[in-house]
């Protein structure tokens, strides 16, 4: 069996030399983000926005009401003679 000088693993077919039309197999850890990952992140952000935003409205309304009450009592105590 002839041994090649620079073997590269390609798609599970065994060692081959680099040449035209032969793509080396890239380890999973080195692959970049694909369309599935981007769509998954977008879906997660949309779902999180739908779930979180209504809860934040309630919290923000409660905080504003409490700040108004606090400021009214503080202002009436400071600015009345």
C-alpha atoms as a PDB file:
ATOM      1  CA  UNK A   1       0.000   0.000   0.000  1.00  0.00           C
ATOM      2  CA  UNK A   2       1.399   3.371  -1.036  1.00  0.00           C
ATOM      3  CA  UNK A   3       1.833   5.866   1.835  1.00  0.00           C
ATOM      4  CA  UNK A   4       1.092   9.520   1.044  1.00  0.00           C
ATOM      5  CA  UNK A   5       3.362  12.226   2.424  1.00  0.00           C
ATOM      6  CA  UNK A   6       0.601  14.595   3.629  1.00  0.00           C
ATOM      7  CA  UNK A   7      -2.572  12.596   4.382  1.00  0.00           C
ATOM      8  CA  UNK A   8      -5.758  14.486   5.263  1.00  0.00           C
ATOM      9  CA  UNK A   9      -8.909  12.854   6.667  1.00  0.00           C
ATOM     10  CA  UNK A  10     -11.850  13.601   4.338  1.00  0.00           C
ATOM     11  CA  UNK A  11     -15.455  12.790   5.228  1.00  0.00           C
ATOM     12  CA  UNK A  12     -14.674   9.317   6.593  1.00  0.00           C
ATOM     13  CA  UNK A  13     -13.287   7.952   3.305  1.00  0.00           C
ATOM     14  CA  UNK A  14      -9.744   7.444   4.564  1.00  0.00           C
ATOM     15  CA  UNK A  15      -6.487   9.329   4.030  1.00  0.00           C
ATOM     16  CA  UNK A  16      -6.041  11.278   0.808  1.00  0.00           C
ATOM     17  CA  UNK A  17      -3.693  13.975  -0.303  1.00  0.00           C
ATOM     18  CA  UNK A  18      -4.802  17.528  -0.766  1.00  0.00           C
ATOM     19  CA  UNK A  19      -5.885  18.199  -4.276  1.00  0.00           C
ATOM     20  CA  UNK A  20      -8.524  19.838  -6.378  1.00  0.00           C
ATOM     21  CA  UNK A  21     -12.018  19.088  -5.076  1.00  0.00           C
ATOM     22  CA  UNK A  22     -10.894  17.423  -1.831  1.00  0.00           C
ATOM     23  CA  UNK A  23     -12.038  19.234   1.298  1.00  0.00           C
ATOM     24  CA  UNK A  24     -10.466  18.332   4.644  1.00  0.00           C
ATOM     25  CA  UNK A  25     -12.829  17.429   7.466  1.00  0.00           C
ATOM     26  CA  UNK A  26     -13.030  20.247  10.036  1.00  0.00           C
ATOM     27  CA  UNK A  27     -13.398  19.217  13.702  1.00  0.00           C
ATOM     28  CA  UNK A  28     -16.711  20.188  15.302  1.00  0.00           C
ATOM     29  CA  UNK A  29     -14.977  22.516  17.760  1.00  0.00           C
ATOM     30  CA  UNK A  30     -13.600  24.642  14.906  1.00  0.00           C
ATOM     31  CA  UNK A  31     -16.805  25.052  12.900  1.00  0.00           C
ATOM     32  CA  UNK A  32     -18.449  28.473  12.911  1.00  0.00           C
ATOM     33  CA  UNK A  33     -22.031  29.416  13.618  1.00  0.00           C
ATOM     34  CA  UNK A  34     -24.537  28.183  11.095  1.00  0.00           C
ATOM     35  CA  UNK A  35     -28.062  29.184  10.186  1.00  0.00           C
ATOM     36  CA  UNK A  36     -29.573  26.794  12.772  1.00  0.00           C
ATOM     37  CA  UNK A  37     -27.679  28.423  15.618  1.00  0.00           C
ATOM     38  CA  UNK A  38     -28.639  31.934  14.508  1.00  0.00           C
ATOM     39  CA  UNK A  39     -32.312  30.968  14.176  1.00  0.00           C
ATOM     40  CA  UNK A  40     -32.214  29.298  17.592  1.00  0.00           C
ATOM     41  CA  UNK A  41     -30.768  32.387  19.244  1.00  0.00           C
ATOM     42  CA  UNK A  42     -33.338  34.622  17.519  1.00  0.00           C
ATOM     43  CA  UNK A  43     -36.210  32.365  18.606  1.00  0.00           C
ATOM     44  CA  UNK A  44     -34.898  32.346  22.182  1.00  0.00           C
ATOM     45  CA  UNK A  45     -34.692  36.132  22.279  1.00  0.00           C
ATOM     46  CA  UNK A  46     -38.219  36.514  20.869  1.00  0.00           C
ATOM     47  CA  UNK A  47     -39.683  34.052  23.374  1.00  0.00           C
ATOM     48  CA  UNK A  48     -37.780  35.686  26.246  1.00  0.00           C
ATOM     49  CA  UNK A  49     -39.120  39.092  25.168  1.00  0.00           C
ATOM     50  CA  UNK A  50     -42.682  37.822  25.088  1.00  0.00           C
ATOM     51  CA  UNK A  51     -42.373  36.278  28.542  1.00  0.00           C
ATOM     52  CA  UNK A  52     -40.242  38.929  30.292  1.00  0.00           C
ATOM     53  CA  UNK A  53     -41.626  42.238  28.954  1.00  0.00           C
ATOM     54  CA  UNK A  54     -45.159  41.919  30.459  1.00  0.00           C
ATOM     55  CA  UNK A  55     -43.597  41.117  33.839  1.00  0.00           C
ATOM     56  CA  UNK A  56     -41.335  44.163  33.590  1.00  0.00           C
ATOM     57  CA  UNK A  57     -44.326  46.414  32.913  1.00  0.00           C
ATOM     58  CA  UNK A  58     -45.904  45.383  36.206  1.00  0.00           C
ATOM     59  CA  UNK A  59     -42.652  45.873  38.127  1.00  0.00           C
ATOM     60  CA  UNK A  60     -42.042  49.274  36.505  1.00  0.00           C
ATOM     61  CA  UNK A  61     -45.609  50.420  37.287  1.00  0.00           C
ATOM     62  CA  UNK A  62     -45.250  49.401  40.939  1.00  0.00           C
ATOM     63  CA  UNK A  63     -41.896  51.178  41.223  1.00  0.00           C
ATOM     64  CA  UNK A  64     -43.249  54.399  39.710  1.00  0.00           C
ATOM     65  CA  UNK A  65     -46.247  54.379  42.056  1.00  0.00           C
ATOM     66  CA  UNK A  66     -43.987  53.891  45.075  1.00  0.00           C
ATOM     67  CA  UNK A  67     -41.587  56.628  43.865  1.00  0.00           C
ATOM     68  CA  UNK A  68     -44.498  59.049  43.445  1.00  0.00           C
ATOM     69  CA  UNK A  69     -45.686  58.306  46.977  1.00  0.00           C
ATOM     70  CA  UNK A  70     -42.167  58.703  48.359  1.00  0.00           C
ATOM     71  CA  UNK A  71     -41.549  61.990  46.522  1.00  0.00           C
ATOM     72  CA  UNK A  72     -44.910  63.420  47.565  1.00  0.00           C
ATOM     73  CA  UNK A  73     -44.226  62.720  51.228  1.00  0.00           C
ATOM     74  CA  UNK A  74     -40.641  63.998  50.963  1.00  0.00           C
ATOM     75  CA  UNK A  75     -41.614  67.163  49.083  1.00  0.00           C
ATOM     76  CA  UNK A  76     -44.455  67.977  51.462  1.00  0.00           C
ATOM     77  CA  UNK A  77     -42.068  67.616  54.426  1.00  0.00           C
ATOM     78  CA  UNK A  78     -39.255  69.695  52.869  1.00  0.00           C
ATOM     79  CA  UNK A  79     -41.102  72.467  51.089  1.00  0.00           C
ATOM     80  CA  UNK A  80     -43.860  73.363  53.579  1.00  0.00           C
ATOM     81  CA  UNK A  81     -43.100  76.096  56.102  1.00  0.00           C
END
